[in-house]
Amino acid sequence: MTDFRELLSRLGNLHDCTVALIEWRPDEKTMGFEIADLYFNFEGLPDYPGPLAGRITLEGVEHLTIDFHDISGPLRINEFLVEKESQAGVAVAITFWPAGTLRVTCGRIAFPDVRPPPA
């Protein structure tokens, strides 16, 4: 999971990225997030490589807390963080703006093989 935590850090914790789709499949214990542009945090900077859509899938979902209110306009990520890692799995917290939080505990995370802009 360290690779995912490092990727998130290099991508600015996906700050300002637009979520095109959140898909929860309780029967499969998965939750997927389709991100319109994984590099959006870098838009306008010289290192911005251009838009790249991608999907992050949380697998083996055991616990889920959803708190959304006052949703209007596009759903943008404020921070996508790995809060805790253990042998049993990983806990993530995704905060959105203008308001909303998702907390998930899962077994593993599948994420795109992307090259972050230089640090």
Protein backbone atom coordinates (compact mmCIF):
# COMPACT_ATOMS: atom_id res chain seq x y z
CA MET A 1 0.00 0.00 0.00
CA THR A 2 2.99 2.28 0.38
CA ASP A 3 3.05 2.70 -3.40
CA PHE A 4 -0.53 4.00 -3.35
CA ARG A 5 0.19 6.36 -0.44
CA GLU A 6 3.26 7.65 -2.30
CA LEU A 7 1.29 8.04 -5.53
CA LEU A 8 -1.41 10.03 -3.74
CA SER A 9 1.23 12.26 -2.19
CA ARG A 10 2.92 12.86 -5.56
CA LEU A 11 -0.49 13.66 -7.09
CA GLY A 12 -1.26 16.22 -4.36
CA ASN A 13 -3.76 13.83 -2.68
CA LEU A 14 -5.92 14.37 -5.80
CA HIS A 15 -6.82 17.86 -4.56
CA ASP A 16 -9.38 19.56 -6.84
CA CYS A 17 -9.84 16.43 -9.01
CA THR A 18 -13.39 15.87 -10.21
CA VAL A 19 -15.08 12.56 -9.40
CA ALA A 20 -17.08 11.52 -12.45
CA LEU A 21 -18.54 8.42 -10.78
CA ILE A 22 -18.65 6.69 -7.41
CA GLU A 23 -19.71 3.07 -7.73
CA TRP A 24 -20.44 0.95 -4.67
CA ARG A 25 -21.04 -2.76 -5.22
CA PRO A 26 -21.88 -4.22 -1.80
CA ASP A 27 -22.29 -7.74 -3.17
CA GLU A 28 -18.74 -7.62 -4.55
CA LYS A 29 -17.39 -5.59 -1.60
CA THR A 30 -15.92 -2.98 -3.95
CA MET A 31 -16.13 0.78 -4.28
CA GLY A 32 -14.78 2.51 -7.36
CA PHE A 33 -13.99 6.13 -8.07
CA GLU A 34 -13.69 7.37 -11.63
CA ILE A 35 -11.52 10.47 -11.65
CA ALA A 36 -11.88 12.80 -14.64
CA ASP A 37 -8.22 13.94 -14.55
CA LEU A 38 -5.72 12.43 -12.11
CA TYR A 39 -3.30 15.27 -12.89
CA PHE A 40 -5.80 18.12 -12.39
CA ASN A 41 -3.97 19.37 -9.29
CA PHE A 42 -1.14 20.39 -11.65
CA GLU A 43 -3.25 22.15 -14.28
CA GLY A 44 -1.67 25.47 -15.24
CA LEU A 45 1.80 24.44 -14.04
CA PRO A 46 4.68 23.77 -16.44
CA ASP A 47 4.82 20.08 -15.37
CA TYR A 48 1.12 19.45 -16.17
CA PRO A 49 1.23 16.51 -18.62
CA GLY A 50 -2.37 16.94 -19.77
CA PRO A 51 -5.57 15.24 -18.63
CA LEU A 52 -5.59 11.57 -17.70
CA ALA A 53 -8.77 9.85 -16.50
CA GLY A 54 -8.40 6.89 -14.16
CA ARG A 55 -10.20 4.58 -11.77
CA ILE A 56 -9.32 3.76 -8.17
CA THR A 57 -11.03 0.65 -6.78
CA LEU A 58 -11.22 -0.25 -3.11
CA GLU A 59 -11.53 -4.03 -2.82
CA GLY A 60 -12.68 -6.12 0.12
CA VAL A 61 -14.67 -3.24 1.63
CA GLU A 62 -15.53 -4.01 5.26
CA HIS A 63 -16.59 -0.65 6.70
CA LEU A 64 -18.06 2.36 4.96
CA THR A 65 -19.16 5.74 6.31
CA ILE A 66 -20.74 8.27 3.99
CA ASP A 67 -21.54 11.85 5.00
CA PHE A 68 -22.65 14.15 2.19
CA HIS A 69 -24.75 17.28 2.44
CA ASP A 70 -25.36 20.39 0.37
CA ILE A 71 -24.13 18.74 -2.82
CA SER A 72 -24.22 21.07 -5.81
CA GLY A 73 -22.17 21.24 -8.97
CA PRO A 74 -19.27 18.90 -9.69
CA LEU A 75 -17.99 16.67 -6.90
CA ARG A 76 -14.36 17.60 -6.27
CA ILE A 77 -11.87 15.93 -3.98
CA ASN A 78 -10.34 18.00 -1.23
CA GLU A 79 -8.05 15.17 -0.03
CA PHE A 80 -7.76 11.45 -0.66
CA LEU A 81 -5.72 10.03 2.21
CA VAL A 82 -4.51 6.67 3.45
CA GLU A 83 -5.16 7.03 7.17
CA LYS A 84 -4.02 3.65 8.45
CA GLU A 85 -2.38 0.50 7.14
CA SER A 86 -2.26 -2.88 8.83
CA GLN A 87 -2.04 -6.58 7.98
CA ALA A 88 -5.85 -6.66 7.88
CA GLY A 89 -6.15 -3.84 5.35
CA VAL A 90 -6.17 -0.14 4.85
CA ALA A 91 -8.37 2.75 5.98
CA VAL A 92 -8.87 5.68 3.62
CA ALA A 93 -10.63 9.00 4.04
CA ILE A 94 -11.80 11.05 1.10
CA THR A 95 -13.02 14.56 1.80
CA PHE A 96 -14.90 16.50 -0.84
CA TRP A 97 -15.76 20.13 -1.31
CA PRO A 98 -17.91 21.94 -0.80
CA ALA A 99 -18.95 19.29 1.77
CA GLY A 100 -18.72 15.56 2.20
CA THR A 101 -16.63 12.72 3.59
CA LEU A 102 -16.24 9.06 2.73
CA ARG A 103 -14.34 6.72 5.05
CA VAL A 104 -13.62 3.17 3.94
CA THR A 105 -11.76 0.22 5.39
CA CYS A 106 -10.79 -2.32 2.75
CA GLY A 107 -8.42 -5.18 2.01
CA ARG A 108 -6.58 -3.64 -0.92
CA ILE A 109 -6.61 -0.82 -3.45
CA ALA A 110 -6.32 -1.17 -7.22
CA PHE A 111 -5.09 1.98 -8.91
CA PRO A 112 -3.88 3.05 -12.32
CA ASP A 113 -0.23 2.84 -13.23
CA VAL A 114 0.39 6.55 -13.70
CA ARG A 115 3.55 8.57 -13.73
CA PRO A 116 3.28 11.53 -11.39
CA PRO A 117 4.82 14.81 -12.52
CA PRO A 118 8.34 15.39 -11.16
CA ALA A 119 8.50 16.31 -7.48
